[in-house]
Amino acid sequence: MKPFVKFGFKAIGIIGGALISIVKLLPMLAPEKPQQKQDKRIIKI
């Protein structure tokens, strides 16, 4: 039973590390959207 427990903890650690690295890479891979300029002009009638 012990070998399976050790393998389980190691596998969870490897999967967790992979998920963390993927989450860190996602913002870099996402296309950057141009910032919209808000029109601050006031039209008085």
PDB file of N, CA and C in Angstrom:
ATOM      1  N   MET A   1       0.822  -1.203   0.000  1.00  0.00           N
ATOM      2  CA  MET A   1       0.000   0.000   0.000  1.00  0.00           C
ATOM      3  C   MET A   1       0.862   1.261   0.000  1.00  0.00           C
ATOM      4  N   LYS A   2       2.009   1.224   0.700  1.00  0.00           N
ATOM      5  CA  LYS A   2       2.856   2.405   0.796  1.00  0.00           C
ATOM      6  C   LYS A   2       3.391   2.879  -0.558  1.00  0.00           C
ATOM      7  N   PRO A   3       3.810   1.996  -1.463  1.00  0.00           N
ATOM      8  CA  PRO A   3       4.304   2.505  -2.760  1.00  0.00           C
ATOM      9  C   PRO A   3       3.242   3.301  -3.510  1.00  0.00           C
ATOM     10  N   PHE A   4       1.996   2.878  -3.396  1.00  0.00           N
ATOM     11  CA  PHE A   4       0.925   3.593  -4.093  1.00  0.00           C
ATOM     12  C   PHE A   4       0.694   4.965  -3.475  1.00  0.00           C
ATOM     13  N   VAL A   5       0.828   5.059  -2.154  1.00  0.00           N
ATOM     14  CA  VAL A   5       0.646   6.342  -1.475  1.00  0.00           C
ATOM     15  C   VAL A   5       1.745   7.306  -1.896  1.00  0.00           C
ATOM     16  N   LYS A   6       2.996   6.841  -1.928  1.00  0.00           N
ATOM     17  CA  LYS A   6       4.114   7.680  -2.340  1.00  0.00           C
ATOM     18  C   LYS A   6       3.929   8.125  -3.784  1.00  0.00           C
ATOM     19  N   PHE A   7       3.531   7.203  -4.649  1.00  0.00           N
ATOM     20  CA  PHE A   7       3.311   7.545  -6.051  1.00  0.00           C
ATOM     21  C   PHE A   7       2.198   8.577  -6.186  1.00  0.00           C
ATOM     22  N   GLY A   8       1.146   8.425  -5.388  1.00  0.00           N
ATOM     23  CA  GLY A   8       0.021   9.358  -5.435  1.00  0.00           C
ATOM     24  C   GLY A   8       0.443  10.768  -5.059  1.00  0.00           C
ATOM     25  N   PHE A   9       1.249  10.899  -4.001  1.00  0.00           N
ATOM     26  CA  PHE A   9       1.708  12.225  -3.581  1.00  0.00           C
ATOM     27  C   PHE A   9       2.622  12.846  -4.632  1.00  0.00           C
ATOM     28  N   LYS A  10       3.491  12.040  -5.212  1.00  0.00           N
ATOM     29  CA  LYS A  10       4.396  12.559  -6.249  1.00  0.00           C
ATOM     30  C   LYS A  10       3.602  12.976  -7.487  1.00  0.00           C
ATOM     31  N   ALA A  11       2.621  12.165  -7.855  1.00  0.00           N
ATOM     32  CA  ALA A  11       1.812  12.489  -9.027  1.00  0.00           C
ATOM     33  C   ALA A  11       1.022  13.776  -8.797  1.00  0.00           C
ATOM     34  N   ILE A  12       0.470  13.945  -7.607  1.00  0.00           N
ATOM     35  CA  ILE A  12      -0.281  15.166  -7.294  1.00  0.00           C
ATOM     36  C   ILE A  12       0.649  16.373  -7.345  1.00  0.00           C
ATOM     37  N   GLY A  13       1.872  16.232  -6.854  1.00  0.00           N
ATOM     38  CA  GLY A  13       2.844  17.325  -6.904  1.00  0.00           C
ATOM     39  C   GLY A  13       3.208  17.709  -8.326  1.00  0.00           C
ATOM     40  N   ILE A  14       3.395  16.720  -9.173  1.00  0.00           N
ATOM     41  CA  ILE A  14       3.742  16.989 -10.575  1.00  0.00           C
ATOM     42  C   ILE A  14       2.576  17.653 -11.296  1.00  0.00           C
ATOM     43  N   ILE A  15       1.375  17.150 -11.089  1.00  0.00           N
ATOM     44  CA  ILE A  15       0.192  17.741 -11.736  1.00  0.00           C
ATOM     45  C   ILE A  15      -0.029  19.159 -11.235  1.00  0.00           C
ATOM     46  N   GLY A  16       0.145  19.391  -9.939  1.00  0.00           N
ATOM     47  CA  GLY A  16      -0.013  20.738  -9.384  1.00  0.00           C
ATOM     48  C   GLY A  16       0.997  21.708  -9.969  1.00  0.00           C
ATOM     49  N   GLY A  17       2.244  21.297 -10.087  1.00  0.00           N
ATOM     50  CA  GLY A  17       3.275  22.153 -10.684  1.00  0.00           C
ATOM     51  C   GLY A  17       2.966  22.482 -12.133  1.00  0.00           C
ATOM     52  N   ALA A  18       2.464  21.496 -12.871  1.00  0.00           N
ATOM     53  CA  ALA A  18       2.111  21.734 -14.275  1.00  0.00           C
ATOM     54  C   ALA A  18       0.957  22.722 -14.373  1.00  0.00           C
ATOM     55  N   LEU A  19      -0.044  22.579 -13.517  1.00  0.00           N
ATOM     56  CA  LEU A  19      -1.184  23.499 -13.552  1.00  0.00           C
ATOM     57  C   LEU A  19      -0.764  24.921 -13.209  1.00  0.00           C
ATOM     58  N   ILE A  20       0.120  25.068 -12.237  1.00  0.00           N
ATOM     59  CA  ILE A  20       0.587  26.404 -11.856  1.00  0.00           C
ATOM     60  C   ILE A  20       1.338  27.043 -13.016  1.00  0.00           C
ATOM     61  N   SER A  21       2.187  26.279 -13.698  1.00  0.00           N
ATOM     62  CA  SER A  21       2.937  26.847 -14.822  1.00  0.00           C
ATOM     63  C   SER A  21       2.008  27.208 -15.977  1.00  0.00           C
ATOM     64  N   ILE A  22       0.973  26.421 -16.208  1.00  0.00           N
ATOM     65  CA  ILE A  22       0.016  26.733 -17.273  1.00  0.00           C
ATOM     66  C   ILE A  22      -0.739  28.015 -16.947  1.00  0.00           C
ATOM     67  N   VAL A  23      -1.155  28.180 -15.699  1.00  0.00           N
ATOM     68  CA  VAL A  23      -1.885  29.385 -15.297  1.00  0.00           C
ATOM     69  C   VAL A  23      -0.996  30.615 -15.435  1.00  0.00           C
ATOM     70  N   LYS A  24       0.291  30.487 -15.151  1.00  0.00           N
ATOM     71  CA  LYS A  24       1.216  31.617 -15.293  1.00  0.00           C
ATOM     72  C   LYS A  24       1.411  31.979 -16.758  1.00  0.00           C
ATOM     73  N   LEU A  25       1.364  31.009 -17.659  1.00  0.00           N
ATOM     74  CA  LEU A  25       1.595  31.269 -19.078  1.00  0.00           C
ATOM     75  C   LEU A  25       0.368  31.819 -19.794  1.00  0.00           C
ATOM     76  N   LEU A  26      -0.831  31.564 -19.288  1.00  0.00           N
ATOM     77  CA  LEU A  26      -2.046  31.981 -19.986  1.00  0.00           C
ATOM     78  C   LEU A  26      -2.112  33.484 -20.251  1.00  0.00           C
ATOM     79  N   PRO A  27      -1.824  34.364 -19.283  1.00  0.00           N
ATOM     80  CA  PRO A  27      -1.901  35.796 -19.593  1.00  0.00           C
ATOM     81  C   PRO A  27      -0.905  36.224 -20.669  1.00  0.00           C
ATOM     82  N   MET A  28       0.237  35.564 -20.766  1.00  0.00           N
ATOM     83  CA  MET A  28       1.229  35.913 -21.782  1.00  0.00           C
ATOM     84  C   MET A  28       0.770  35.492 -23.171  1.00  0.00           C
ATOM     85  N   LEU A  29       0.037  34.382 -23.252  1.00  0.00           N
ATOM     86  CA  LEU A  29      -0.390  33.859 -24.549  1.00  0.00           C
ATOM     87  C   LEU A  29      -1.654  34.530 -25.066  1.00  0.00           C
ATOM     88  N   ALA A  30      -2.427  35.138 -24.182  1.00  0.00           N
ATOM     89  CA  ALA A  30      -3.674  35.780 -24.588  1.00  0.00           C
ATOM     90  C   ALA A  30      -3.367  37.015 -25.440  1.00  0.00           C
ATOM     91  N   PRO A  31      -4.105  37.202 -26.531  1.00  0.00           N
ATOM     92  CA  PRO A  31      -3.866  38.390 -27.360  1.00  0.00           C
ATOM     93  C   PRO A  31      -4.228  39.654 -26.596  1.00  0.00           C
ATOM     94  N   GLU A  32      -3.381  40.653 -26.740  1.00  0.00           N
ATOM     95  CA  GLU A  32      -3.621  41.904 -26.025  1.00  0.00           C
ATOM     96  C   GLU A  32      -4.669  42.721 -26.764  1.00  0.00           C
ATOM     97  N   LYS A  33      -5.657  43.188 -26.021  1.00  0.00           N
ATOM     98  CA  LYS A  33      -6.711  44.002 -26.615  1.00  0.00           C
ATOM     99  C   LYS A  33      -6.292  45.468 -26.520  1.00  0.00           C
ATOM    100  N   PRO A  34      -6.470  46.204 -27.595  1.00  0.00           N
ATOM    101  CA  PRO A  34      -6.140  47.636 -27.503  1.00  0.00           C
ATOM    102  C   PRO A  34      -7.088  48.335 -26.534  1.00  0.00           C
ATOM    103  N   GLN A  35      -6.535  49.221 -25.751  1.00  0.00           N
ATOM    104  CA  GLN A  35      -7.367  49.929 -24.787  1.00  0.00           C
ATOM    105  C   GLN A  35      -8.240  50.937 -25.517  1.00  0.00           C
ATOM    106  N   GLN A  36      -9.504  50.943 -25.154  1.00  0.00           N
ATOM    107  CA  GLN A  36     -10.439  51.859 -25.790  1.00  0.00           C
ATOM    108  C   GLN A  36     -10.312  53.226 -25.143  1.00  0.00           C
ATOM    109  N   LYS A  37     -10.233  54.226 -26.003  1.00  0.00           N
ATOM    110  CA  LYS A  37     -10.179  55.586 -25.482  1.00  0.00           C
ATOM    111  C   LYS A  37     -11.600  56.054 -25.217  1.00  0.00           C
ATOM    112  N   GLN A  38     -11.825  56.521 -24.011  1.00  0.00           N
ATOM    113  CA  GLN A  38     -13.156  57.005 -23.678  1.00  0.00           C
ATOM    114  C   GLN A  38     -13.249  58.466 -24.083  1.00  0.00           C
ATOM    115  N   ASP A  39     -14.342  58.805 -24.708  1.00  0.00           N
ATOM    116  CA  ASP A  39     -14.549  60.183 -25.158  1.00  0.00           C
ATOM    117  C   ASP A  39     -15.024  61.006 -23.978  1.00  0.00           C
ATOM    118  N   LYS A  40     -14.195  61.959 -23.553  1.00  0.00           N
ATOM    119  CA  LYS A  40     -14.527  62.761 -22.378  1.00  0.00           C
ATOM    120  C   LYS A  40     -15.039  64.141 -22.765  1.00  0.00           C
ATOM    121  N   ARG A  41     -15.347  64.305 -24.025  1.00  0.00           N
ATOM    122  CA  ARG A  41     -15.887  65.615 -24.451  1.00  0.00           C
ATOM    123  C   ARG A  41     -17.335  65.752 -24.006  1.00  0.00           C
ATOM    124  N   ILE A  42     -17.691  66.960 -23.633  1.00  0.00           N
ATOM    125  CA  ILE A  42     -19.050  67.244 -23.203  1.00  0.00           C
ATOM    126  C   ILE A  42     -19.706  68.092 -24.281  1.00  0.00           C
ATOM    127  N   ILE A  43     -20.868  67.657 -24.725  1.00  0.00           N
ATOM    128  CA  ILE A  43     -21.597  68.416 -25.749  1.00  0.00           C
ATOM    129  C   ILE A  43     -22.736  69.151 -25.053  1.00  0.00           C
ATOM    130  N   LYS A  44     -22.686  70.472 -25.122  1.00  0.00           N
ATOM    131  CA  LYS A  44     -23.735  71.279 -24.499  1.00  0.00           C
ATOM    132  C   LYS A  44     -24.675  71.770 -25.598  1.00  0.00           C
ATOM    133  N   ILE A  45     -25.936  71.655 -25.330  1.00  0.00           N
ATOM    134  CA  ILE A  45     -26.942  72.095 -26.310  1.00  0.00           C
ATOM    135  C   ILE A  45     -27.657  73.302 -25.760  1.00  0.00           C
TER     136      ILE A  45
END
